[in-house]
Amino acid sequence: MSAQQPSIGIILMSDELEKLHAGALVGSVASMSGMKVNVFVTMTQGSQVITM
């Protein structure tokens, strides 16, 4: 059995470009570290952040 490649999923929801850029930087660092990265970005107004 082979080991699975580490992965991360990033969902970015903000109407502020700076916040989206910061989240995208996290994804780019993870990608360069060899992780599989999935990113969803939206700039909708009135978005709410859901934390788990």
C-alpha atoms as a PDB file:
ATOM      1  CA  MET A   1       0.000   0.000   0.000  1.00  0.00           C
ATOM      2  CA  SER A   2       1.448   3.363  -0.993  1.00  0.00           C
ATOM      3  CA  ALA A   3       1.285   6.460   1.173  1.00  0.00           C
ATOM      4  CA  GLN A   4      -1.166   9.139   0.100  1.00  0.00           C
ATOM      5  CA  GLN A   5       0.132  12.542  -0.879  1.00  0.00           C
ATOM      6  CA  PRO A   6      -0.767  15.145   1.786  1.00  0.00           C
ATOM      7  CA  SER A   7      -3.463  17.543   0.615  1.00  0.00           C
ATOM      8  CA  ILE A   8      -5.201  20.729   1.692  1.00  0.00           C
ATOM      9  CA  GLY A   9      -8.467  22.353   0.631  1.00  0.00           C
ATOM     10  CA  ILE A  10      -8.741  26.130   0.911  1.00  0.00           C
ATOM     11  CA  ILE A  11     -11.998  28.095   0.605  1.00  0.00           C
ATOM     12  CA  LEU A  12     -11.578  31.865   0.394  1.00  0.00           C
ATOM     13  CA  MET A  13     -14.634  34.136   0.713  1.00  0.00           C
ATOM     14  CA  SER A  14     -14.111  37.870   1.045  1.00  0.00           C
ATOM     15  CA  ASP A  15     -14.763  41.127  -0.755  1.00  0.00           C
ATOM     16  CA  GLU A  16     -11.279  42.301   0.290  1.00  0.00           C
ATOM     17  CA  LEU A  17      -8.541  41.447  -2.194  1.00  0.00           C
ATOM     18  CA  GLU A  18      -5.843  41.523   0.511  1.00  0.00           C
ATOM     19  CA  LYS A  19      -7.501  38.692   2.444  1.00  0.00           C
ATOM     20  CA  LEU A  20      -7.865  36.584  -0.703  1.00  0.00           C
ATOM     21  CA  HIS A  21      -4.225  37.207  -1.557  1.00  0.00           C
ATOM     22  CA  ALA A  22      -3.080  36.098   1.899  1.00  0.00           C
ATOM     23  CA  GLY A  23      -5.063  32.866   1.576  1.00  0.00           C
ATOM     24  CA  ALA A  24      -3.676  32.243  -1.894  1.00  0.00           C
ATOM     25  CA  LEU A  25      -0.154  32.631  -0.505  1.00  0.00           C
ATOM     26  CA  VAL A  26      -0.860  29.857   2.000  1.00  0.00           C
ATOM     27  CA  GLY A  27      -1.892  27.639  -0.907  1.00  0.00           C
ATOM     28  CA  SER A  28       1.209  28.456  -2.913  1.00  0.00           C
ATOM     29  CA  VAL A  29       3.497  27.631   0.028  1.00  0.00           C
ATOM     30  CA  ALA A  30       1.689  24.327   0.561  1.00  0.00           C
ATOM     31  CA  SER A  31       1.998  23.520  -3.137  1.00  0.00           C
ATOM     32  CA  MET A  32       5.727  24.220  -3.160  1.00  0.00           C
ATOM     33  CA  SER A  33       6.035  21.917  -0.127  1.00  0.00           C
ATOM     34  CA  GLY A  34       4.701  19.056  -2.227  1.00  0.00           C
ATOM     35  CA  MET A  35       1.101  19.067  -1.040  1.00  0.00           C
ATOM     36  CA  LYS A  36      -1.888  18.692  -3.346  1.00  0.00           C
ATOM     37  CA  VAL A  37      -3.856  21.956  -3.086  1.00  0.00           C
ATOM     38  CA  ASN A  38      -7.488  22.651  -4.038  1.00  0.00           C
ATOM     39  CA  VAL A  39      -8.606  26.288  -3.853  1.00  0.00           C
ATOM     40  CA  PHE A  40     -12.048  27.885  -4.238  1.00  0.00           C
ATOM     41  CA  VAL A  41     -12.191  31.696  -4.293  1.00  0.00           C
ATOM     42  CA  THR A  42     -15.210  34.004  -4.323  1.00  0.00           C
ATOM     43  CA  MET A  43     -15.567  37.764  -3.876  1.00  0.00           C
ATOM     44  CA  THR A  44     -19.268  37.832  -3.032  1.00  0.00           C
ATOM     45  CA  GLN A  45     -20.607  40.648  -0.872  1.00  0.00           C
ATOM     46  CA  GLY A  46     -21.822  39.822   2.630  1.00  0.00           C
ATOM     47  CA  SER A  47     -20.029  36.495   2.851  1.00  0.00           C
ATOM     48  CA  GLN A  48     -19.716  34.754   6.211  1.00  0.00           C
ATOM     49  CA  VAL A  49     -16.781  32.674   7.334  1.00  0.00           C
ATOM     50  CA  ILE A  50     -17.619  29.232   8.702  1.00  0.00           C
ATOM     51  CA  THR A  51     -15.052  27.721  11.066  1.00  0.00           C
ATOM     52  CA  MET A  52     -14.903  24.120  12.202  1.00  0.00           C
END
